[in-house]
Amino acid sequence: DANLTTFLVAAVLYTIGTGPVRGFAITLMIGIITSMFTAIVGTRAIVNLIYGGKSVKTLSIGNFRKKAKAA
């Protein structure tokens, strides 16, 4: 995952860097953690809002089944 790779690079920057580089690494790590938390919690909240708190086991992107025409 790109977030994990970026987080690891930020940790390396923090370890070997000094001054402004360490500050950038900390800011980058905070941003990645915040972004991942918001994506997970926010998405879950929206799904619960749409489906009314029902247990959602699968999520469909759309209804692509054709309805049978009455003869």
N, C-alpha and C. Protein backbone atom coordinates (compact mmCIF):
# COMPACT_ATOMS: atom_id res chain seq x y z
N ASP A 1 0.84 -1.18 0.00
CA ASP A 1 0.00 0.00 0.00
C ASP A 1 0.89 1.24 0.00
N ALA A 2 0.47 2.24 -0.72
CA ALA A 2 1.27 3.46 -0.84
C ALA A 2 1.40 4.19 0.49
N ASN A 3 0.36 4.16 1.30
CA ASN A 3 0.44 4.85 2.60
C ASN A 3 1.48 4.21 3.50
N LEU A 4 1.55 2.90 3.50
CA LEU A 4 2.53 2.21 4.33
C LEU A 4 3.95 2.52 3.86
N THR A 5 4.16 2.51 2.55
CA THR A 5 5.48 2.82 2.00
C THR A 5 5.89 4.24 2.35
N THR A 6 4.98 5.19 2.19
CA THR A 6 5.28 6.58 2.52
C THR A 6 5.57 6.74 4.00
N PHE A 7 4.81 6.03 4.84
CA PHE A 7 5.04 6.11 6.28
C PHE A 7 6.42 5.57 6.64
N LEU A 8 6.82 4.46 6.01
CA LEU A 8 8.15 3.90 6.27
C LEU A 8 9.25 4.86 5.83
N VAL A 9 9.08 5.49 4.68
CA VAL A 9 10.06 6.46 4.21
C VAL A 9 10.13 7.65 5.16
N ALA A 10 8.99 8.09 5.66
CA ALA A 10 8.98 9.19 6.63
C ALA A 10 9.70 8.80 7.91
N ALA A 11 9.55 7.55 8.33
CA ALA A 11 10.26 7.07 9.52
C ALA A 11 11.76 7.06 9.29
N VAL A 12 12.18 6.66 8.09
CA VAL A 12 13.61 6.68 7.76
C VAL A 12 14.12 8.11 7.72
N LEU A 13 13.35 9.01 7.12
CA LEU A 13 13.74 10.42 7.10
C LEU A 13 13.90 10.97 8.51
N TYR A 14 12.99 10.60 9.39
CA TYR A 14 13.07 11.06 10.77
C TYR A 14 14.32 10.51 11.45
N THR A 15 14.64 9.26 11.15
CA THR A 15 15.79 8.61 11.80
C THR A 15 17.12 9.22 11.35
N ILE A 16 17.27 9.45 10.05
CA ILE A 16 18.57 9.93 9.56
C ILE A 16 18.62 11.44 9.35
N GLY A 17 17.46 12.10 9.41
CA GLY A 17 17.43 13.53 9.15
C GLY A 17 17.70 14.37 10.38
N THR A 18 17.88 15.66 10.14
CA THR A 18 18.05 16.62 11.23
C THR A 18 17.21 17.85 10.93
N GLY A 19 16.84 18.57 11.98
CA GLY A 19 16.15 19.85 11.84
C GLY A 19 14.89 19.80 11.02
N PRO A 20 14.86 20.58 9.93
CA PRO A 20 13.65 20.67 9.12
C PRO A 20 13.22 19.34 8.49
N VAL A 21 14.17 18.47 8.21
CA VAL A 21 13.83 17.17 7.61
C VAL A 21 13.05 16.34 8.62
N ARG A 22 13.45 16.37 9.89
CA ARG A 22 12.70 15.66 10.93
C ARG A 22 11.30 16.25 11.09
N GLY A 23 11.19 17.57 11.04
CA GLY A 23 9.88 18.20 11.13
C GLY A 23 8.98 17.80 9.98
N PHE A 24 9.55 17.74 8.77
CA PHE A 24 8.78 17.30 7.61
C PHE A 24 8.33 15.86 7.78
N ALA A 25 9.22 15.00 8.29
CA ALA A 25 8.88 13.59 8.48
C ALA A 25 7.75 13.43 9.48
N ILE A 26 7.79 14.18 10.57
CA ILE A 26 6.72 14.10 11.58
C ILE A 26 5.40 14.57 10.98
N THR A 27 5.44 15.68 10.26
CA THR A 27 4.23 16.20 9.63
C THR A 27 3.66 15.20 8.63
N LEU A 28 4.53 14.57 7.86
CA LEU A 28 4.10 13.58 6.88
C LEU A 28 3.46 12.38 7.56
N MET A 29 4.06 11.89 8.65
CA MET A 29 3.49 10.74 9.37
C MET A 29 2.14 11.09 9.99
N ILE A 30 2.02 12.27 10.56
CA ILE A 30 0.74 12.70 11.13
C ILE A 30 -0.32 12.78 10.04
N GLY A 31 0.05 13.31 8.88
CA GLY A 31 -0.89 13.42 7.76
C GLY A 31 -1.35 12.06 7.26
N ILE A 32 -0.44 11.11 7.18
CA ILE A 32 -0.80 9.77 6.71
C ILE A 32 -1.73 9.09 7.70
N ILE A 33 -1.41 9.17 8.99
CA ILE A 33 -2.26 8.55 10.01
C ILE A 33 -3.65 9.18 10.00
N THR A 34 -3.71 10.50 9.91
CA THR A 34 -5.00 11.20 9.88
C THR A 34 -5.80 10.80 8.64
N SER A 35 -5.13 10.73 7.51
CA SER A 35 -5.80 10.36 6.26
C SER A 35 -6.37 8.95 6.32
N MET A 36 -5.60 8.01 6.83
CA MET A 36 -6.07 6.63 6.92
C MET A 36 -7.23 6.51 7.91
N PHE A 37 -7.13 7.18 9.05
CA PHE A 37 -8.20 7.14 10.05
C PHE A 37 -9.49 7.71 9.47
N THR A 38 -9.38 8.86 8.80
CA THR A 38 -10.56 9.50 8.21
C THR A 38 -11.17 8.63 7.12
N ALA A 39 -10.34 8.01 6.31
CA ALA A 39 -10.86 7.16 5.23
C ALA A 39 -11.62 5.97 5.80
N ILE A 40 -11.09 5.34 6.83
CA ILE A 40 -11.74 4.16 7.40
C ILE A 40 -13.00 4.54 8.15
N VAL A 41 -12.89 5.48 9.08
CA VAL A 41 -14.04 5.85 9.92
C VAL A 41 -15.11 6.57 9.10
N GLY A 42 -14.69 7.47 8.23
CA GLY A 42 -15.64 8.22 7.41
C GLY A 42 -16.41 7.34 6.45
N THR A 43 -15.72 6.43 5.81
CA THR A 43 -16.38 5.51 4.88
C THR A 43 -17.38 4.63 5.61
N ARG A 44 -16.98 4.13 6.76
CA ARG A 44 -17.88 3.27 7.55
C ARG A 44 -19.12 4.05 7.98
N ALA A 45 -18.95 5.30 8.39
CA ALA A 45 -20.09 6.12 8.81
C ALA A 45 -21.04 6.37 7.65
N ILE A 46 -20.51 6.62 6.47
CA ILE A 46 -21.36 6.87 5.31
C ILE A 46 -22.12 5.60 4.92
N VAL A 47 -21.45 4.45 4.96
CA VAL A 47 -22.13 3.19 4.63
C VAL A 47 -23.24 2.92 5.64
N ASN A 48 -22.98 3.13 6.92
CA ASN A 48 -24.02 2.94 7.94
C ASN A 48 -25.17 3.91 7.75
N LEU A 49 -24.88 5.13 7.33
CA LEU A 49 -25.93 6.11 7.09
C LEU A 49 -26.81 5.69 5.92
N ILE A 50 -26.20 5.21 4.85
CA ILE A 50 -26.96 4.81 3.67
C ILE A 50 -27.79 3.56 3.93
N TYR A 51 -27.21 2.57 4.60
CA TYR A 51 -27.89 1.30 4.81
C TYR A 51 -28.65 1.24 6.13
N GLY A 52 -28.74 2.32 6.85
CA GLY A 52 -29.57 2.39 8.04
C GLY A 52 -29.12 1.52 9.19
N GLY A 53 -27.84 1.28 9.32
CA GLY A 53 -27.34 0.50 10.44
C GLY A 53 -27.50 -1.00 10.29
N LYS A 54 -27.99 -1.46 9.12
CA LYS A 54 -28.11 -2.90 8.89
C LYS A 54 -26.71 -3.51 8.76
N SER A 55 -26.62 -4.79 9.04
CA SER A 55 -25.35 -5.48 8.88
C SER A 55 -25.05 -5.61 7.39
N VAL A 56 -23.96 -5.01 6.95
CA VAL A 56 -23.60 -5.02 5.54
C VAL A 56 -22.47 -6.03 5.35
N LYS A 57 -22.78 -7.12 4.63
CA LYS A 57 -21.76 -8.14 4.37
C LYS A 57 -21.12 -7.95 3.01
N THR A 58 -21.89 -7.48 2.04
CA THR A 58 -21.34 -7.20 0.71
C THR A 58 -21.85 -5.84 0.27
N LEU A 59 -21.07 -5.20 -0.54
CA LEU A 59 -21.44 -3.89 -1.07
C LEU A 59 -21.43 -3.95 -2.58
N SER A 60 -22.54 -3.64 -3.20
CA SER A 60 -22.57 -3.63 -4.66
C SER A 60 -22.39 -2.20 -5.15
N ILE A 61 -21.77 -2.08 -6.30
CA ILE A 61 -21.54 -0.76 -6.86
C ILE A 61 -22.80 -0.25 -7.55
N GLY A 62 -23.56 -1.11 -8.06
CA GLY A 62 -24.79 -0.71 -8.73
C GLY A 62 -25.66 -1.91 -9.01
N ASN A 63 -26.85 -1.67 -9.50
CA ASN A 63 -27.76 -2.76 -9.82
C ASN A 63 -27.68 -3.00 -11.32
N PHE A 64 -26.90 -4.01 -11.71
CA PHE A 64 -26.70 -4.28 -13.12
C PHE A 64 -27.55 -5.43 -13.64
N ARG A 65 -28.37 -5.99 -12.79
CA ARG A 65 -29.24 -7.07 -13.24
C ARG A 65 -30.41 -6.49 -14.02
N LYS A 66 -30.70 -7.13 -15.12
CA LYS A 66 -31.83 -6.68 -15.92
C LYS A 66 -33.10 -7.28 -15.34
N LYS A 67 -34.10 -6.45 -15.21
CA LYS A 67 -35.38 -6.93 -14.71
C LYS A 67 -36.14 -7.61 -15.85
N ALA A 68 -36.79 -8.70 -15.52
CA ALA A 68 -37.57 -9.43 -16.53
C ALA A 68 -38.81 -8.62 -16.89
N LYS A 69 -39.07 -8.53 -18.18
CA LYS A 69 -40.24 -7.79 -18.64
C LYS A 69 -41.47 -8.66 -18.52
N ALA A 70 -42.55 -8.06 -18.05
CA ALA A 70 -43.81 -8.80 -17.94
C ALA A 70 -44.40 -8.97 -19.34
N ALA A 71 -44.85 -10.18 -19.65
CA ALA A 71 -45.38 -10.45 -20.98
C ALA A 71 -46.85 -10.19 -21.06
